[in-house]
Amino acid sequence: MELMSQQEFGKLSQFTNEVCISIFIPTQRAGHEVLEGKNRINLKSKWNEIKLQLEKKGVSAEKIKNIGNPIEELLQDKDFWRHQSDGLAVFSAEGFFDKYTLPINFEEYHYISKEFYIKPLVPILTEDGRFYLLSLQLEDVALFEATQHSIGVVYVEDLIPSRLEDRVGFDYTEKALQLRPQKQGEGNTMYHGHGGADNNKKSEIFRYFRAIDQGLETVLHNKKIPLVIACQDSFFPIYKEANSYPYLYGEEAVGNPAYIDMLELHEKALKIIEPYFEKTKREKLKKFEDFNQTVKTSTSVHDIIPAIIQGKVDTLFLENKEDIWGIYNENTMAVEVQDEQSPKNISLMNLAAKAVIEHGGNVFLIDHEAMPEKSSKMNALYRFS
């Protein structure tokens, strides 16, 4: 499961056209809903609703057809609908179409404007916590890509040896490695045998792990995403020595992945990795609290939007499942907040999120109860030296 890259996000956020359609629907990965085509039916229903709205807005039949053709083709793609995640995001305009199956539980929503609506995608880049999980056994290896809310398989069969015997060139047996199932604590296997033999066995395992590391380089190259290891505790030091990936996470492994399904493995990995992902958010919330009601923070949309455009905002907190509608004048940098969406205004939250991310800042979607200043749907922490 490949998630959205920063480059893809930038392409969406910078695109403008006379009519841009953004569609978000929740999807199911498996079960009778998938067999019955519920995901596809939901998109079809949403597109039919949008077509009626476009007609009422006076959009020409030709333009509607050009926007809708890629969506209609997607509806007929049976293979696509067999491989879904938690949510589907579709972006279509004349001359542009993109789609993403993502591990986000979207609420059903659509947006018609001269820009795409990217606010629901923010967790993929800043908040959701993306990491790789390597399930490592001598008889089996699997790589997963995960977030705090989901996990999916990354297919690497052609890149890495799947078993120790495939790497070291002899039939691996428990007797050959002289490993006895005696444990010192859960997940720890004790080596028994002569010192020289033990060193040789560890050397073989090291070679196996190094081959895995080298194969993974193709997938992990230029990534800055934590890699969490699930393995017997006794294997973790060996893998750390064999590893070349600079973002190998932690001083501990998830534990022996044998007889654990993917969802349980994910749950165990989260207990290790969650503090890493929550650290930045906690630090920024604490800073907002420390500097609240000073020149270093703001809860005024009229002040925050111009500051964002000028690159002055370090962190933006947006109330989740809410929006702020209005008009931003680029020439005067004036902000007009309006009560509801109209053909003449835009989502100011969408504008703010795009600009903060483009300037390298942090954006967090926060439930109302957790907003640092609940009187406003938009809170900002400014950059300061």
Protein backbone atom coordinates (compact mmCIF):
# COMPACT_ATOMS: atom_id res chain seq x y z
CA MET A 1 0.00 0.00 0.00
CA GLU A 2 1.71 3.18 -1.18
CA LEU A 3 0.51 6.33 0.56
CA MET A 4 0.52 9.86 -0.81
CA SER A 5 3.91 11.53 -1.22
CA GLN A 6 4.75 15.17 -0.50
CA GLN A 7 5.15 15.74 -4.25
CA GLU A 8 1.71 14.32 -5.03
CA PHE A 9 0.18 16.44 -2.28
CA GLY A 10 1.86 19.51 -3.74
CA LYS A 11 0.53 18.74 -7.20
CA LEU A 12 -3.02 18.60 -5.85
CA SER A 13 -2.72 21.66 -3.65
CA GLN A 14 -1.34 23.86 -6.42
CA PHE A 15 -3.80 22.83 -9.15
CA THR A 16 -6.55 25.26 -10.14
CA ASN A 17 -9.22 25.17 -12.84
CA GLU A 18 -12.64 26.61 -13.56
CA VAL A 19 -14.27 23.52 -12.01
CA CYS A 20 -12.44 21.15 -9.65
CA ILE A 21 -14.22 18.19 -8.05
CA SER A 22 -13.03 16.59 -4.80
CA ILE A 23 -14.79 13.46 -3.55
CA PHE A 24 -14.21 11.58 -0.30
CA ILE A 25 -16.00 8.35 0.59
CA PRO A 26 -15.41 5.75 3.30
CA THR A 27 -14.55 2.31 1.95
CA GLN A 28 -14.27 -1.24 3.25
CA ARG A 29 -11.21 -3.41 2.74
CA ALA A 30 -13.05 -6.74 2.68
CA GLY A 31 -16.27 -8.50 3.60
CA HIS A 32 -19.71 -8.68 2.06
CA GLU A 33 -19.71 -4.91 1.39
CA VAL A 34 -16.81 -5.38 -1.04
CA LEU A 35 -18.40 -8.44 -2.63
CA GLU A 36 -21.64 -6.53 -3.11
CA GLY A 37 -19.84 -3.55 -4.63
CA LYS A 38 -20.81 -1.08 -1.91
CA ASN A 39 -17.71 1.09 -2.40
CA ARG A 40 -18.34 1.44 -6.12
CA ILE A 41 -22.04 2.16 -5.58
CA ASN A 42 -21.18 4.90 -3.09
CA LEU A 43 -18.92 6.66 -5.59
CA LYS A 44 -21.50 6.32 -8.35
CA SER A 45 -24.18 7.83 -6.13
CA LYS A 46 -21.90 10.70 -5.12
CA TRP A 47 -20.96 11.44 -8.75
CA ASN A 48 -24.63 11.48 -9.78
CA GLU A 49 -25.31 13.99 -7.00
CA ILE A 50 -22.41 16.17 -8.16
CA LYS A 51 -23.57 16.10 -11.79
CA LEU A 52 -26.94 17.54 -10.78
CA GLN A 53 -25.23 20.30 -8.82
CA LEU A 54 -22.97 21.14 -11.75
CA GLU A 55 -25.98 21.36 -14.06
CA LYS A 56 -27.71 23.75 -11.64
CA LYS A 57 -24.56 25.88 -11.56
CA GLY A 58 -24.77 26.21 -15.35
CA VAL A 59 -21.72 24.08 -16.14
CA SER A 60 -21.89 22.88 -19.75
CA ALA A 61 -22.73 19.28 -20.57
CA GLU A 62 -19.41 18.92 -22.39
CA LYS A 63 -17.42 20.10 -19.38
CA ILE A 64 -19.34 17.77 -17.07
CA LYS A 65 -18.62 14.88 -19.44
CA ASN A 66 -14.89 15.71 -19.57
CA ILE A 67 -14.70 15.86 -15.78
CA GLY A 68 -16.75 12.71 -15.34
CA ASN A 69 -15.22 10.40 -17.96
CA PRO A 70 -12.31 9.27 -15.71
CA ILE A 71 -14.77 8.71 -12.85
CA GLU A 72 -17.03 6.62 -15.09
CA GLU A 73 -14.01 4.57 -16.20
CA LEU A 74 -13.01 4.04 -12.58
CA LEU A 75 -16.50 2.78 -11.79
CA GLN A 76 -16.01 0.04 -14.41
CA ASP A 77 -12.57 -1.01 -13.15
CA LYS A 78 -13.39 -4.25 -11.30
CA ASP A 79 -9.80 -4.89 -10.26
CA PHE A 80 -9.54 -1.47 -8.60
CA TRP A 81 -12.58 -2.10 -6.42
CA ARG A 82 -11.14 -5.37 -5.17
CA HIS A 83 -8.23 -3.54 -3.52
CA GLN A 84 -9.47 -0.84 -1.17
CA SER A 85 -8.33 0.71 2.08
CA ASP A 86 -10.32 2.75 4.63
CA GLY A 87 -11.12 5.70 2.40
CA LEU A 88 -11.13 6.80 -1.24
CA ALA A 89 -10.24 10.31 -2.41
CA VAL A 90 -10.98 11.29 -6.02
CA PHE A 91 -9.89 14.53 -7.70
CA SER A 92 -11.14 15.44 -11.16
CA ALA A 93 -11.09 18.48 -13.46
CA GLU A 94 -10.78 18.97 -17.19
CA GLY A 95 -7.36 17.59 -18.09
CA PHE A 96 -6.68 16.26 -14.59
CA PHE A 97 -7.64 13.12 -12.68
CA ASP A 98 -6.18 11.39 -9.66
CA LYS A 99 -7.38 8.93 -7.05
CA TYR A 100 -6.01 7.60 -3.76
CA THR A 101 -7.01 4.63 -1.67
CA LEU A 102 -5.90 5.75 1.78
CA PRO A 103 -5.90 4.51 5.38
CA ILE A 104 -8.16 7.36 6.54
CA ASN A 105 -11.76 6.89 7.62
CA PHE A 106 -13.18 9.75 5.56
CA GLU A 107 -16.64 11.06 6.17
CA GLU A 108 -18.59 11.15 2.91
CA TYR A 109 -18.02 14.59 1.43
CA HIS A 110 -17.57 16.45 -1.84
CA TYR A 111 -16.28 19.91 -2.74
CA ILE A 112 -16.85 21.89 -5.93
CA SER A 113 -14.59 24.89 -6.42
CA LYS A 114 -11.71 26.22 -8.49
CA GLU A 115 -9.29 24.24 -6.33
CA PHE A 116 -9.09 20.78 -4.82
CA TYR A 117 -10.01 20.17 -1.19
CA ILE A 118 -6.99 18.68 0.57
CA LYS A 119 -7.76 19.27 4.26
CA PRO A 120 -8.88 15.63 4.88
CA LEU A 121 -5.49 14.46 3.57
CA VAL A 122 -3.49 16.36 6.19
CA PRO A 123 -3.10 13.33 8.51
CA ILE A 124 -1.23 11.44 5.79
CA LEU A 125 1.56 14.02 5.77
CA THR A 126 1.67 15.44 9.28
CA GLU A 127 -0.57 13.83 11.83
CA ASP A 128 -1.37 10.23 11.14
CA GLY A 129 2.07 8.78 11.79
CA ARG A 130 3.38 6.68 8.91
CA PHE A 131 5.86 3.86 9.55
CA TYR A 132 7.14 0.59 8.13
CA LEU A 133 6.90 -2.63 10.10
CA LEU A 134 9.24 -5.51 9.25
CA SER A 135 8.09 -8.92 10.49
CA LEU A 136 11.30 -10.92 10.74
CA GLN A 137 11.57 -14.67 11.21
CA LEU A 138 14.13 -17.16 9.93
CA GLU A 139 11.37 -18.93 8.00
CA ASP A 140 9.33 -15.92 6.87
CA VAL A 141 9.71 -12.18 6.22
CA ALA A 142 6.99 -9.60 5.59
CA LEU A 143 7.01 -5.83 5.21
CA PHE A 144 4.03 -3.65 6.10
CA GLU A 145 3.31 0.03 5.63
CA ALA A 146 1.20 1.43 8.44
CA THR A 147 -0.25 4.50 10.07
CA GLN A 148 -1.75 4.92 13.51
CA HIS A 149 -5.06 3.72 12.12
CA SER A 150 -4.26 1.10 9.52
CA ILE A 151 -1.78 -1.37 8.08
CA GLY A 152 -1.21 -2.89 4.65
CA VAL A 153 1.22 -5.30 3.01
CA VAL A 154 4.14 -4.07 0.90
CA TYR A 155 5.02 -6.79 -1.60
CA VAL A 156 8.79 -7.39 -1.57
CA GLU A 157 9.08 -11.05 -2.60
CA ASP A 158 11.37 -10.24 -5.53
CA LEU A 159 13.63 -8.01 -3.45
CA ILE A 160 14.52 -10.02 -0.35
CA PRO A 161 15.12 -13.66 0.62
CA SER A 162 12.01 -14.94 2.35
CA ARG A 163 13.82 -17.63 4.39
CA LEU A 164 17.30 -18.05 5.84
CA GLU A 165 17.91 -21.16 3.75
CA ASP A 166 17.30 -19.10 0.58
CA ARG A 167 20.20 -16.84 1.54
CA VAL A 168 22.80 -19.13 3.09
CA GLY A 169 22.40 -21.97 0.60
CA PHE A 170 21.61 -24.94 2.81
CA ASP A 171 18.48 -26.52 4.22
CA TYR A 172 17.67 -24.77 7.44
CA THR A 173 16.51 -27.03 10.24
CA GLU A 174 16.27 -26.47 13.94
CA LYS A 175 18.87 -29.16 14.42
CA ALA A 176 21.31 -27.65 11.95
CA LEU A 177 21.20 -24.32 13.77
CA GLN A 178 21.13 -26.11 17.12
CA LEU A 179 18.38 -23.84 18.40
CA ARG A 180 16.42 -25.24 21.31
CA PRO A 181 12.98 -23.85 22.22
CA GLN A 182 14.12 -22.89 25.72
CA LYS A 183 13.17 -19.32 26.57
CA GLN A 184 14.40 -16.60 28.84
CA GLY A 185 11.30 -14.49 28.96
CA GLU A 186 8.73 -14.24 26.22
CA GLY A 187 10.12 -14.16 22.68
CA ASN A 188 13.75 -14.95 23.60
CA THR A 189 15.32 -18.07 22.12
CA MET A 190 18.54 -19.36 23.67
CA TYR A 191 21.40 -20.62 21.48
CA HIS A 192 23.07 -23.83 22.58
CA GLY A 193 26.20 -25.49 21.28
CA HIS A 194 29.91 -24.87 21.01
CA GLY A 195 31.20 -21.33 20.92
CA GLY A 196 32.55 -21.63 17.38
CA ALA A 197 29.32 -23.13 16.12
CA ASP A 198 27.31 -20.39 17.80
CA ASN A 199 29.43 -17.73 16.11
CA ASN A 200 28.95 -19.43 12.77
CA LYS A 201 25.18 -19.56 13.24
CA LYS A 202 25.06 -15.91 14.18
CA SER A 203 27.18 -15.13 11.14
CA GLU A 204 24.70 -16.93 8.89
CA ILE A 205 21.81 -15.02 10.45
CA PHE A 206 23.73 -11.76 10.03
CA ARG A 207 24.26 -12.52 6.32
CA TYR A 208 20.56 -13.28 5.99
CA PHE A 209 19.58 -10.02 7.69
CA ARG A 210 22.08 -8.06 5.61
CA ALA A 211 20.53 -9.49 2.43
CA ILE A 212 17.09 -8.40 3.67
CA ASP A 213 18.43 -4.93 4.46
CA GLN A 214 19.96 -4.59 1.01
CA GLY A 215 16.75 -5.72 -0.66
CA LEU A 216 14.67 -3.26 1.34
CA GLU A 217 16.89 -0.40 0.19
CA THR A 218 14.89 -0.32 -3.05
CA VAL A 219 11.69 0.35 -1.09
CA LEU A 220 13.13 2.56 1.64
CA HIS A 221 15.50 4.63 -0.50
CA ASN A 222 15.19 8.37 0.21
CA LYS A 223 12.41 7.73 2.75
CA LYS A 224 12.46 9.34 6.19
CA ILE A 225 9.93 7.00 7.74
CA PRO A 226 10.59 4.97 10.92
CA LEU A 227 11.15 1.23 10.47
CA VAL A 228 9.91 -0.89 13.37
CA ILE A 229 11.12 -4.49 13.69
CA ALA A 230 9.06 -7.44 14.90
CA CYS A 231 11.32 -10.34 15.79
CA GLN A 232 12.61 -12.45 18.63
CA ASP A 233 14.49 -10.25 21.08
CA SER A 234 17.72 -12.19 20.49
CA PHE A 235 17.57 -11.37 16.75
CA PHE A 236 17.14 -7.61 17.16
CA PRO A 237 20.81 -6.80 17.99
CA ILE A 238 21.90 -8.84 14.98
CA TYR A 239 19.51 -6.99 12.67
CA LYS A 240 20.63 -3.63 14.08
CA GLU A 241 24.20 -4.54 13.17
CA ALA A 242 23.16 -5.61 9.66
CA ASN A 243 20.91 -2.60 9.11
CA SER A 244 21.88 0.38 6.95
CA TYR A 245 18.55 2.25 7.02
CA PRO A 246 19.08 5.45 9.07
CA TYR A 247 15.53 5.51 10.46
CA LEU A 248 15.49 2.12 12.18
CA TYR A 249 13.37 2.83 15.25
CA GLY A 250 13.98 2.16 18.89
CA GLU A 251 15.99 0.01 21.18
CA GLU A 252 13.42 -2.75 21.33
CA ALA A 253 11.55 -4.98 18.93
CA VAL A 254 7.82 -5.63 18.84
CA GLY A 255 8.43 -9.25 19.79
CA ASN A 256 8.20 -12.62 18.10
CA PRO A 257 5.75 -12.32 15.19
CA ALA A 258 5.13 -16.06 14.98
CA TYR A 259 1.46 -16.98 15.24
CA ILE A 260 0.39 -13.29 15.37
CA ASP A 261 -1.90 -11.93 12.67
CA MET A 262 -1.32 -8.61 10.93
CA LEU A 263 -3.78 -6.61 13.05
CA GLU A 264 -2.34 -7.85 16.35
CA LEU A 265 1.16 -7.15 15.07
CA HIS A 266 0.04 -3.61 14.21
CA GLU A 267 -1.41 -3.13 17.69
CA LYS A 268 1.85 -4.21 19.32
CA ALA A 269 3.91 -1.98 17.04
CA LEU A 270 1.78 1.05 17.90
CA LYS A 271 2.61 0.70 21.59
CA ILE A 272 6.25 1.19 20.67
CA ILE A 273 5.95 3.86 17.97
CA GLU A 274 3.06 6.06 19.21
CA PRO A 275 5.19 8.18 21.59
CA TYR A 276 7.36 9.12 18.61
CA PHE A 277 4.42 10.41 16.59
CA GLU A 278 2.71 12.17 19.46
CA LYS A 279 5.89 13.98 20.53
CA THR A 280 5.67 16.84 18.01
CA LYS A 281 1.97 17.43 18.61
CA ARG A 282 2.45 17.44 22.40
CA GLU A 283 5.35 19.85 22.13
CA LYS A 284 3.42 22.26 19.90
CA LEU A 285 0.31 22.15 22.09
CA LYS A 286 2.49 22.87 25.12
CA LYS A 287 4.11 25.82 23.36
CA PHE A 288 0.70 27.23 22.41
CA GLU A 289 -0.41 26.90 26.02
CA ASP A 290 2.75 28.59 27.28
CA PHE A 291 2.47 31.52 24.84
CA ASN A 292 -1.33 31.79 24.58
CA GLN A 293 -2.68 35.34 24.44
CA THR A 294 0.71 36.71 23.42
CA VAL A 295 2.00 37.87 20.04
CA LYS A 296 3.34 34.36 19.47
CA THR A 297 -0.14 32.80 19.06
CA SER A 298 -3.44 33.74 17.44
CA THR A 299 -7.03 32.51 17.24
CA SER A 300 -8.18 35.17 14.75
CA VAL A 301 -8.75 33.90 11.20
CA HIS A 302 -8.32 37.48 9.94
CA ASP A 303 -4.78 37.55 11.37
CA ILE A 304 -3.79 33.92 10.85
CA ILE A 305 -4.43 33.66 7.09
CA PRO A 306 -2.15 36.59 6.09
CA ALA A 307 0.52 35.33 8.52
CA ILE A 308 0.36 31.88 6.93
CA ILE A 309 0.77 33.31 3.42
CA GLN A 310 3.86 35.17 4.63
CA GLY A 311 5.31 31.95 6.09
CA LYS A 312 5.04 33.14 9.68
CA VAL A 313 3.04 30.20 11.07
CA ASP A 314 4.93 27.28 12.59
CA THR A 315 1.94 25.15 13.59
CA LEU A 316 -1.74 25.30 12.67
CA PHE A 317 -4.46 23.58 14.72
CA LEU A 318 -7.72 23.08 12.81
CA GLU A 319 -10.91 21.80 14.36
CA ASN A 320 -11.64 18.44 12.78
CA LYS A 321 -14.91 17.93 10.85
CA GLU A 322 -15.50 21.69 10.75
CA ASP A 323 -14.81 24.40 8.20
CA ILE A 324 -14.62 28.17 7.82
CA TRP A 325 -15.94 29.75 4.63
CA GLY A 326 -14.90 33.09 3.25
CA ILE A 327 -12.85 35.15 0.81
CA TYR A 328 -9.16 35.98 0.90
CA ASN A 329 -7.95 38.98 -1.13
CA GLU A 330 -4.38 38.31 -2.22
CA ASN A 331 -3.73 41.97 -3.06
CA THR A 332 -4.87 43.49 0.22
CA MET A 333 -4.38 40.34 2.35
CA ALA A 334 -7.84 40.98 3.79
CA VAL A 335 -9.99 38.08 5.02
CA GLU A 336 -13.78 38.06 4.92
CA VAL A 337 -15.44 35.27 6.91
CA GLN A 338 -18.89 34.17 5.75
CA ASP A 339 -21.54 32.01 7.38
CA GLU A 340 -21.84 29.30 4.73
CA GLN A 341 -20.36 27.96 1.52
CA SER A 342 -21.25 29.73 -1.71
CA PRO A 343 -20.02 29.71 -5.34
CA LYS A 344 -18.05 32.88 -4.60
CA ASN A 345 -16.15 31.81 -1.49
CA ILE A 346 -13.68 29.09 -0.53
CA SER A 347 -12.75 26.97 2.46
CA LEU A 348 -10.38 29.14 4.47
CA MET A 349 -9.29 26.03 6.39
CA ASN A 350 -8.32 24.37 3.11
CA LEU A 351 -6.37 27.46 2.04
CA ALA A 352 -4.62 27.63 5.42
CA ALA A 353 -3.67 23.93 5.51
CA LYS A 354 -2.20 24.02 1.99
CA ALA A 355 -0.14 27.14 2.66
CA VAL A 356 1.27 25.96 6.02
CA ILE A 357 2.39 22.63 4.55
CA GLU A 358 3.91 24.39 1.52
CA HIS A 359 5.93 26.55 3.93
CA GLY A 360 7.14 23.48 5.84
CA GLY A 361 4.95 23.99 8.90
CA ASN A 362 2.86 21.58 10.95
CA VAL A 363 -0.89 21.08 10.59
CA PHE A 364 -2.97 19.06 13.06
CA LEU A 365 -6.66 18.23 12.80
CA ILE A 366 -7.95 18.39 16.37
CA ASP A 367 -11.30 17.43 17.88
CA HIS A 368 -13.12 20.33 19.51
CA GLU A 369 -12.45 19.10 23.06
CA ALA A 370 -8.69 18.98 22.39
CA MET A 371 -8.31 22.35 20.63
CA PRO A 372 -5.86 24.53 22.57
CA GLU A 373 -8.27 27.50 22.36
CA LYS A 374 -11.82 26.19 21.90
CA SER A 375 -13.35 29.59 21.11
CA SER A 376 -11.91 29.38 17.59
CA LYS A 377 -11.86 26.65 14.94
CA MET A 378 -8.39 27.82 13.88
CA ASN A 379 -5.45 28.28 16.26
CA ALA A 380 -1.93 29.25 15.19
CA LEU A 381 1.50 29.13 16.77
CA TYR A 382 3.82 31.58 15.08
CA ARG A 383 7.45 31.03 14.18
CA PHE A 384 9.84 32.73 16.56
CA SER A 385 13.56 32.61 17.32
